[in-house]
N, C-alpha and C. Protein backbone atom coordinates (compact mmCIF):
# COMPACT_ATOMS: atom_id res chain seq x y z
N MET A 1 -16.11 13.37 26.26
CA MET A 1 -15.23 13.61 25.13
C MET A 1 -16.02 14.31 24.04
N SER A 2 -15.49 15.38 23.56
CA SER A 2 -16.19 16.07 22.47
C SER A 2 -15.77 15.46 21.14
N PRO A 3 -16.67 15.49 20.17
CA PRO A 3 -16.35 14.88 18.87
C PRO A 3 -15.29 15.65 18.12
N ASN A 4 -14.52 14.94 17.35
CA ASN A 4 -13.54 15.56 16.47
C ASN A 4 -14.22 15.74 15.12
N TRP A 5 -14.74 16.92 14.88
CA TRP A 5 -15.53 17.17 13.68
C TRP A 5 -14.69 17.25 12.42
N ASN A 6 -13.42 17.55 12.55
CA ASN A 6 -12.57 17.73 11.36
C ASN A 6 -11.46 16.70 11.34
N VAL A 7 -11.82 15.45 11.17
CA VAL A 7 -10.85 14.37 11.14
C VAL A 7 -10.12 14.39 9.80
N LYS A 8 -8.80 14.43 9.88
CA LYS A 8 -8.00 14.41 8.65
C LYS A 8 -7.80 12.97 8.21
N PRO A 9 -7.96 12.71 6.92
CA PRO A 9 -7.72 11.34 6.44
C PRO A 9 -6.27 10.93 6.67
N PRO A 10 -6.03 9.65 6.85
CA PRO A 10 -4.66 9.16 7.01
C PRO A 10 -3.80 9.52 5.80
N LYS A 11 -2.50 9.72 6.06
CA LYS A 11 -1.56 10.09 4.99
C LYS A 11 -1.17 8.89 4.14
N ASN A 12 -1.22 7.69 4.74
CA ASN A 12 -0.78 6.50 4.02
C ASN A 12 -1.46 5.26 4.61
N ASP A 13 -1.19 4.11 4.02
CA ASP A 13 -1.85 2.88 4.44
C ASP A 13 -1.46 2.46 5.86
N ASP A 14 -0.21 2.72 6.26
CA ASP A 14 0.18 2.39 7.63
C ASP A 14 -0.68 3.16 8.63
N GLU A 15 -1.00 4.41 8.29
CA GLU A 15 -1.84 5.22 9.19
C GLU A 15 -3.28 4.69 9.21
N TYR A 16 -3.79 4.25 8.06
CA TYR A 16 -5.12 3.60 8.05
C TYR A 16 -5.09 2.37 8.95
N PHE A 17 -4.04 1.58 8.81
CA PHE A 17 -3.89 0.36 9.60
C PHE A 17 -3.85 0.68 11.09
N GLU A 18 -3.13 1.72 11.45
CA GLU A 18 -3.07 2.11 12.86
C GLU A 18 -4.45 2.52 13.37
N ARG A 19 -5.18 3.28 12.57
CA ARG A 19 -6.52 3.72 13.00
C ARG A 19 -7.48 2.54 13.11
N MET A 20 -7.34 1.57 12.21
CA MET A 20 -8.19 0.37 12.33
C MET A 20 -7.85 -0.38 13.61
N THR A 21 -6.56 -0.55 13.87
CA THR A 21 -6.13 -1.29 15.05
C THR A 21 -6.61 -0.59 16.31
N ARG A 22 -6.53 0.72 16.34
CA ARG A 22 -7.00 1.49 17.50
C ARG A 22 -8.51 1.28 17.69
N SER A 23 -9.26 1.32 16.62
CA SER A 23 -10.71 1.09 16.70
C SER A 23 -11.01 -0.32 17.20
N LEU A 24 -10.25 -1.28 16.70
CA LEU A 24 -10.43 -2.68 17.07
C LEU A 24 -10.16 -2.89 18.57
N PHE A 25 -9.06 -2.34 19.07
CA PHE A 25 -8.71 -2.53 20.47
C PHE A 25 -9.58 -1.72 21.41
N THR A 26 -10.13 -0.60 20.93
CA THR A 26 -10.99 0.23 21.77
C THR A 26 -12.36 -0.41 21.96
N ALA A 27 -12.79 -1.23 21.00
CA ALA A 27 -14.11 -1.86 21.07
C ALA A 27 -14.26 -2.63 22.38
N GLY A 28 -15.29 -2.27 23.12
CA GLY A 28 -15.57 -2.96 24.38
C GLY A 28 -14.78 -2.46 25.57
N LEU A 29 -13.92 -1.48 25.36
CA LEU A 29 -13.11 -0.95 26.45
C LEU A 29 -13.29 0.56 26.54
N ASN A 30 -12.86 1.12 27.64
CA ASN A 30 -12.87 2.57 27.80
C ASN A 30 -11.76 3.14 26.93
N TRP A 31 -12.09 4.11 26.10
CA TRP A 31 -11.10 4.67 25.17
C TRP A 31 -9.90 5.24 25.90
N LYS A 32 -10.08 5.68 27.16
CA LYS A 32 -8.97 6.25 27.92
C LYS A 32 -7.89 5.20 28.20
N VAL A 33 -8.30 3.96 28.39
CA VAL A 33 -7.35 2.87 28.64
C VAL A 33 -6.44 2.71 27.42
N ILE A 34 -7.04 2.69 26.24
CA ILE A 34 -6.27 2.52 25.00
C ILE A 34 -5.40 3.75 24.76
N GLU A 35 -5.96 4.93 24.98
CA GLU A 35 -5.21 6.18 24.80
C GLU A 35 -3.93 6.17 25.63
N LYS A 36 -4.06 5.77 26.88
CA LYS A 36 -2.91 5.76 27.80
C LYS A 36 -1.84 4.76 27.34
N LYS A 37 -2.27 3.63 26.80
CA LYS A 37 -1.34 2.57 26.40
C LYS A 37 -0.87 2.69 24.95
N TRP A 38 -1.40 3.68 24.21
CA TRP A 38 -1.13 3.71 22.77
C TRP A 38 0.35 3.77 22.40
N PRO A 39 1.18 4.53 23.10
CA PRO A 39 2.61 4.49 22.76
C PRO A 39 3.20 3.07 22.85
N ASN A 40 2.71 2.28 23.78
CA ASN A 40 3.16 0.89 23.90
C ASN A 40 2.67 0.05 22.73
N PHE A 41 1.44 0.31 22.28
CA PHE A 41 0.93 -0.38 21.10
C PHE A 41 1.78 -0.06 19.88
N GLN A 42 2.15 1.21 19.73
CA GLN A 42 2.96 1.62 18.58
C GLN A 42 4.29 0.87 18.56
N LYS A 43 4.88 0.71 19.73
CA LYS A 43 6.15 -0.02 19.82
C LYS A 43 5.92 -1.53 19.56
N ALA A 44 4.89 -2.08 20.19
CA ALA A 44 4.62 -3.52 20.08
C ALA A 44 4.30 -3.94 18.65
N PHE A 45 3.64 -3.05 17.91
CA PHE A 45 3.25 -3.37 16.53
C PHE A 45 4.12 -2.65 15.50
N ALA A 46 5.40 -2.53 15.82
CA ALA A 46 6.42 -2.04 14.86
C ALA A 46 6.01 -0.74 14.18
N GLY A 47 5.48 0.20 14.97
CA GLY A 47 5.08 1.49 14.42
C GLY A 47 3.96 1.38 13.40
N PHE A 48 3.23 0.26 13.45
CA PHE A 48 2.13 -0.03 12.53
C PHE A 48 2.58 -0.11 11.08
N SER A 49 3.79 -0.63 10.91
CA SER A 49 4.28 -0.93 9.56
C SER A 49 3.53 -2.18 9.09
N ILE A 50 2.71 -2.00 8.07
CA ILE A 50 1.91 -3.11 7.56
C ILE A 50 2.79 -4.29 7.15
N SER A 51 3.88 -3.99 6.44
CA SER A 51 4.74 -5.08 5.96
C SER A 51 5.37 -5.85 7.12
N LYS A 52 5.75 -5.15 8.19
CA LYS A 52 6.35 -5.83 9.34
C LYS A 52 5.32 -6.64 10.12
N VAL A 53 4.17 -6.03 10.42
CA VAL A 53 3.16 -6.72 11.23
C VAL A 53 2.61 -7.93 10.47
N SER A 54 2.49 -7.84 9.16
CA SER A 54 1.96 -8.97 8.38
C SER A 54 2.87 -10.20 8.49
N ARG A 55 4.13 -9.99 8.87
CA ARG A 55 5.07 -11.12 9.01
C ARG A 55 5.18 -11.62 10.45
N PHE A 56 4.39 -11.08 11.36
CA PHE A 56 4.42 -11.57 12.75
C PHE A 56 4.03 -13.05 12.76
N SER A 57 4.76 -13.82 13.54
CA SER A 57 4.52 -15.26 13.66
C SER A 57 3.72 -15.55 14.94
N ASP A 58 3.38 -16.81 15.12
CA ASP A 58 2.71 -17.23 16.36
C ASP A 58 3.60 -16.91 17.56
N LYS A 59 4.91 -17.03 17.38
CA LYS A 59 5.85 -16.70 18.45
C LYS A 59 5.75 -15.22 18.82
N ASP A 60 5.63 -14.36 17.81
CA ASP A 60 5.47 -12.93 18.06
C ASP A 60 4.17 -12.64 18.81
N VAL A 61 3.10 -13.33 18.43
CA VAL A 61 1.81 -13.16 19.11
C VAL A 61 1.93 -13.58 20.58
N LYS A 62 2.59 -14.72 20.82
CA LYS A 62 2.78 -15.18 22.21
C LYS A 62 3.59 -14.17 23.01
N LYS A 63 4.59 -13.57 22.39
CA LYS A 63 5.40 -12.55 23.06
C LYS A 63 4.53 -11.34 23.42
N LEU A 64 3.67 -10.92 22.48
CA LEU A 64 2.80 -9.78 22.75
C LEU A 64 1.82 -10.09 23.88
N MET A 65 1.46 -11.35 24.04
CA MET A 65 0.55 -11.73 25.12
C MET A 65 1.19 -11.57 26.49
N THR A 66 2.50 -11.39 26.54
CA THR A 66 3.18 -11.16 27.82
C THR A 66 3.50 -9.68 28.04
N ASP A 67 3.15 -8.83 27.07
CA ASP A 67 3.46 -7.40 27.13
C ASP A 67 2.38 -6.67 27.95
N THR A 68 2.71 -6.31 29.17
CA THR A 68 1.74 -5.64 30.05
C THR A 68 1.45 -4.21 29.63
N GLY A 69 2.21 -3.69 28.68
CA GLY A 69 2.01 -2.32 28.21
C GLY A 69 0.85 -2.18 27.23
N ILE A 70 0.34 -3.32 26.72
CA ILE A 70 -0.78 -3.28 25.78
C ILE A 70 -1.94 -4.08 26.37
N VAL A 71 -3.07 -4.04 25.69
CA VAL A 71 -4.20 -4.89 26.06
C VAL A 71 -3.91 -6.26 25.47
N ARG A 72 -3.83 -7.25 26.34
CA ARG A 72 -3.42 -8.60 25.93
C ARG A 72 -4.64 -9.46 25.60
N ASN A 73 -5.24 -9.15 24.48
CA ASN A 73 -6.38 -9.91 23.98
C ASN A 73 -5.88 -10.66 22.75
N GLU A 74 -5.72 -11.97 22.90
CA GLU A 74 -5.11 -12.76 21.83
C GLU A 74 -5.89 -12.69 20.52
N LYS A 75 -7.21 -12.70 20.59
CA LYS A 75 -8.01 -12.63 19.36
C LYS A 75 -7.79 -11.29 18.64
N LYS A 76 -7.69 -10.22 19.41
CA LYS A 76 -7.47 -8.90 18.80
C LYS A 76 -6.04 -8.79 18.25
N ILE A 77 -5.08 -9.38 18.93
CA ILE A 77 -3.70 -9.36 18.44
C ILE A 77 -3.60 -10.16 17.14
N GLN A 78 -4.19 -11.36 17.13
CA GLN A 78 -4.17 -12.19 15.92
C GLN A 78 -4.91 -11.50 14.78
N ALA A 79 -6.02 -10.83 15.10
CA ALA A 79 -6.77 -10.10 14.08
C ALA A 79 -5.92 -8.98 13.49
N THR A 80 -5.13 -8.32 14.32
CA THR A 80 -4.28 -7.23 13.84
C THR A 80 -3.25 -7.76 12.83
N VAL A 81 -2.67 -8.91 13.13
CA VAL A 81 -1.71 -9.52 12.20
C VAL A 81 -2.42 -9.91 10.89
N HIS A 82 -3.56 -10.54 11.01
CA HIS A 82 -4.36 -10.91 9.83
C HIS A 82 -4.70 -9.67 9.00
N ASN A 83 -5.16 -8.62 9.69
CA ASN A 83 -5.59 -7.40 9.00
C ASN A 83 -4.45 -6.73 8.25
N ALA A 84 -3.24 -6.83 8.80
CA ALA A 84 -2.08 -6.29 8.09
C ALA A 84 -1.92 -7.00 6.74
N GLY A 85 -2.11 -8.30 6.73
CA GLY A 85 -2.05 -9.07 5.48
C GLY A 85 -3.11 -8.64 4.49
N GLU A 86 -4.30 -8.32 5.00
CA GLU A 86 -5.39 -7.86 4.11
C GLU A 86 -5.05 -6.49 3.53
N PHE A 87 -4.45 -5.62 4.33
CA PHE A 87 -4.02 -4.32 3.81
C PHE A 87 -3.01 -4.50 2.68
N LEU A 88 -2.08 -5.43 2.85
CA LEU A 88 -1.09 -5.69 1.79
C LEU A 88 -1.76 -6.13 0.49
N LYS A 89 -2.75 -7.02 0.62
CA LYS A 89 -3.47 -7.49 -0.57
C LYS A 89 -4.18 -6.33 -1.27
N LEU A 90 -4.80 -5.45 -0.47
CA LEU A 90 -5.50 -4.30 -1.06
C LEU A 90 -4.53 -3.35 -1.74
N GLU A 91 -3.35 -3.16 -1.13
CA GLU A 91 -2.32 -2.31 -1.76
C GLU A 91 -1.94 -2.88 -3.12
N LYS A 92 -1.77 -4.20 -3.16
CA LYS A 92 -1.38 -4.86 -4.41
C LYS A 92 -2.49 -4.73 -5.47
N ASP A 93 -3.73 -4.94 -5.05
CA ASP A 93 -4.85 -4.93 -5.99
C ASP A 93 -5.32 -3.53 -6.40
N PHE A 94 -5.23 -2.56 -5.47
CA PHE A 94 -5.80 -1.23 -5.74
C PHE A 94 -4.78 -0.10 -5.71
N GLY A 95 -3.59 -0.36 -5.20
CA GLY A 95 -2.57 0.68 -5.10
C GLY A 95 -2.50 1.30 -3.72
N SER A 96 -3.65 1.41 -3.06
CA SER A 96 -3.69 1.94 -1.69
C SER A 96 -5.05 1.65 -1.08
N PHE A 97 -5.13 1.75 0.23
CA PHE A 97 -6.40 1.54 0.90
C PHE A 97 -7.40 2.63 0.51
N GLN A 98 -6.93 3.85 0.38
CA GLN A 98 -7.81 4.95 -0.02
C GLN A 98 -8.43 4.68 -1.39
N LYS A 99 -7.63 4.17 -2.31
CA LYS A 99 -8.16 3.86 -3.64
C LYS A 99 -9.20 2.74 -3.55
N TYR A 100 -8.99 1.79 -2.66
CA TYR A 100 -9.98 0.73 -2.42
C TYR A 100 -11.29 1.34 -1.92
N LEU A 101 -11.19 2.23 -0.91
CA LEU A 101 -12.40 2.87 -0.40
C LEU A 101 -13.12 3.66 -1.49
N ASN A 102 -12.36 4.28 -2.36
CA ASN A 102 -12.95 5.08 -3.44
C ASN A 102 -13.81 4.24 -4.38
N THR A 103 -13.56 2.94 -4.46
CA THR A 103 -14.33 2.09 -5.36
C THR A 103 -15.80 1.99 -4.93
N PHE A 104 -16.09 2.34 -3.69
CA PHE A 104 -17.46 2.24 -3.19
C PHE A 104 -18.29 3.49 -3.49
N GLY A 105 -17.64 4.54 -3.95
CA GLY A 105 -18.37 5.77 -4.24
C GLY A 105 -19.13 6.23 -3.01
N LYS A 106 -20.41 6.48 -3.17
CA LYS A 106 -21.24 6.94 -2.06
C LYS A 106 -22.02 5.81 -1.40
N ASP A 107 -21.71 4.56 -1.76
CA ASP A 107 -22.43 3.40 -1.21
C ASP A 107 -21.86 3.02 0.16
N GLU A 108 -22.30 3.73 1.19
CA GLU A 108 -21.81 3.50 2.56
C GLU A 108 -22.08 2.09 3.04
N ASP A 109 -23.28 1.59 2.77
CA ASP A 109 -23.64 0.26 3.26
C ASP A 109 -22.70 -0.81 2.71
N ARG A 110 -22.43 -0.73 1.42
CA ARG A 110 -21.53 -1.72 0.79
C ARG A 110 -20.12 -1.59 1.36
N MET A 111 -19.67 -0.35 1.58
CA MET A 111 -18.34 -0.13 2.14
C MET A 111 -18.25 -0.69 3.56
N LEU A 112 -19.24 -0.43 4.38
CA LEU A 112 -19.24 -0.94 5.75
C LEU A 112 -19.25 -2.47 5.76
N GLU A 113 -20.06 -3.07 4.90
CA GLU A 113 -20.12 -4.53 4.81
C GLU A 113 -18.78 -5.11 4.37
N ALA A 114 -18.17 -4.49 3.38
CA ALA A 114 -16.89 -4.99 2.84
C ALA A 114 -15.80 -4.93 3.91
N VAL A 115 -15.75 -3.85 4.66
CA VAL A 115 -14.74 -3.71 5.71
C VAL A 115 -14.95 -4.79 6.77
N GLN A 116 -16.20 -5.07 7.11
CA GLN A 116 -16.48 -6.10 8.11
C GLN A 116 -16.13 -7.49 7.61
N GLU A 117 -16.38 -7.74 6.33
CA GLU A 117 -16.10 -9.06 5.76
C GLU A 117 -14.60 -9.31 5.59
N LEU A 118 -13.88 -8.28 5.21
CA LEU A 118 -12.46 -8.41 4.88
C LEU A 118 -11.57 -8.51 6.12
N PHE A 119 -11.90 -7.73 7.14
CA PHE A 119 -11.03 -7.63 8.30
C PHE A 119 -11.59 -8.39 9.49
N GLN A 120 -10.70 -9.03 10.23
CA GLN A 120 -11.11 -9.80 11.40
C GLN A 120 -11.36 -8.88 12.60
N HIS A 121 -12.32 -9.31 13.41
CA HIS A 121 -12.67 -8.64 14.67
C HIS A 121 -13.19 -7.22 14.42
N VAL A 122 -13.76 -7.01 13.23
CA VAL A 122 -14.33 -5.71 12.88
C VAL A 122 -15.81 -5.92 12.59
N GLY A 123 -16.63 -5.58 13.58
CA GLY A 123 -18.08 -5.67 13.43
C GLY A 123 -18.64 -4.33 13.00
N PRO A 124 -19.97 -4.20 13.01
CA PRO A 124 -20.61 -2.96 12.55
C PRO A 124 -20.13 -1.70 13.27
N SER A 125 -20.07 -1.73 14.59
CA SER A 125 -19.65 -0.53 15.34
C SER A 125 -18.19 -0.20 15.10
N THR A 126 -17.34 -1.22 15.10
CA THR A 126 -15.91 -0.99 14.88
C THR A 126 -15.66 -0.48 13.46
N ALA A 127 -16.38 -1.01 12.49
CA ALA A 127 -16.23 -0.54 11.11
C ALA A 127 -16.60 0.93 11.01
N ARG A 128 -17.71 1.32 11.63
CA ARG A 128 -18.13 2.73 11.61
C ARG A 128 -17.10 3.60 12.31
N THR A 129 -16.65 3.16 13.47
CA THR A 129 -15.66 3.93 14.23
C THR A 129 -14.39 4.12 13.41
N PHE A 130 -13.91 3.04 12.80
CA PHE A 130 -12.70 3.10 11.99
C PHE A 130 -12.87 4.06 10.82
N LEU A 131 -13.96 3.92 10.08
CA LEU A 131 -14.15 4.77 8.90
C LEU A 131 -14.32 6.23 9.30
N TRP A 132 -15.06 6.47 10.38
CA TRP A 132 -15.21 7.84 10.87
C TRP A 132 -13.84 8.40 11.28
N ALA A 133 -13.06 7.59 12.01
CA ALA A 133 -11.73 8.02 12.46
C ALA A 133 -10.76 8.22 11.30
N SER A 134 -11.12 7.70 10.14
CA SER A 134 -10.29 7.84 8.94
C SER A 134 -10.76 8.97 8.04
N GLY A 135 -11.73 9.72 8.52
CA GLY A 135 -12.19 10.89 7.77
C GLY A 135 -13.32 10.62 6.80
N CYS A 136 -13.86 9.40 6.80
CA CYS A 136 -15.00 9.11 5.91
C CYS A 136 -16.25 9.79 6.48
N GLU A 137 -16.98 10.44 5.61
CA GLU A 137 -18.21 11.08 6.05
C GLU A 137 -19.36 10.09 5.88
N LEU A 138 -19.80 9.54 7.00
CA LEU A 138 -20.89 8.57 6.99
C LEU A 138 -22.17 9.27 7.42
N THR A 139 -23.28 8.79 6.91
CA THR A 139 -24.57 9.30 7.35
C THR A 139 -24.79 8.83 8.78
N PRO A 140 -25.01 9.74 9.71
CA PRO A 140 -25.17 9.33 11.11
C PRO A 140 -26.41 8.44 11.32
N THR A 141 -26.24 7.44 12.19
CA THR A 141 -27.37 6.61 12.59
C THR A 141 -28.24 7.42 13.55
N ARG A 142 -29.39 6.89 13.90
CA ARG A 142 -30.28 7.57 14.85
C ARG A 142 -29.56 7.84 16.18
N GLU A 143 -28.82 6.83 16.67
CA GLU A 143 -28.09 6.98 17.93
C GLU A 143 -27.01 8.05 17.81
N GLU A 144 -26.31 8.04 16.68
CA GLU A 144 -25.25 9.04 16.46
C GLU A 144 -25.82 10.44 16.37
N LYS A 145 -26.97 10.58 15.70
CA LYS A 145 -27.61 11.90 15.61
C LYS A 145 -27.98 12.41 17.00
N LYS A 146 -28.51 11.51 17.82
CA LYS A 146 -28.90 11.88 19.18
C LYS A 146 -27.66 12.34 19.97
N TRP A 147 -26.57 11.55 19.85
CA TRP A 147 -25.33 11.90 20.57
C TRP A 147 -24.78 13.23 20.05
N MET A 148 -24.77 13.39 18.73
CA MET A 148 -24.21 14.59 18.13
C MET A 148 -25.01 15.85 18.48
N SER A 149 -26.31 15.69 18.67
CA SER A 149 -27.14 16.86 18.99
C SER A 149 -26.78 17.42 20.37
N GLY A 150 -26.17 16.59 21.21
CA GLY A 150 -25.75 17.04 22.53
C GLY A 150 -24.35 17.65 22.53
N HIS A 151 -23.69 17.65 21.39
CA HIS A 151 -22.32 18.18 21.25
C HIS A 151 -22.29 19.21 20.14
N LYS A 152 -21.75 20.33 20.41
CA LYS A 152 -21.72 21.41 19.42
C LYS A 152 -20.42 21.40 18.63
N LYS A 153 -20.53 21.77 17.37
CA LYS A 153 -19.32 21.92 16.55
C LYS A 153 -18.54 23.11 17.06
N PRO A 154 -17.19 23.03 16.96
CA PRO A 154 -16.38 24.16 17.44
C PRO A 154 -16.57 25.40 16.61
């Protein structure tokens, strides 16, 4: 897979939420598996409407655990519901997720730590993947530099 060098930032918070969820579910799996099932994820998670997903109940989670069209990882499903609630809190406190990210300025380390602390099932790699997929320009790690040197910009 070649890198997407010109990632456009999400248009709204629902799109940020979708990109986070995609990063979360891709962690530990082949990205092609998630890519193939993504239309089913969009349906299962109400088009990634933060307000709708934040209201999912335990019954909704149990129903999703029977949905063969998605990856049925209960911890990741529960984390997605929790994370929707965190997005709502950030919208209330900052106006939007983008405005929240802007509070970190150029402090990448603090931003990465905050994303990991705030959202469930988001570790260091998932946080980086999510932020990169959201158009944040992060300083590449040694491993990322090595990978990027093998891929040319278009």
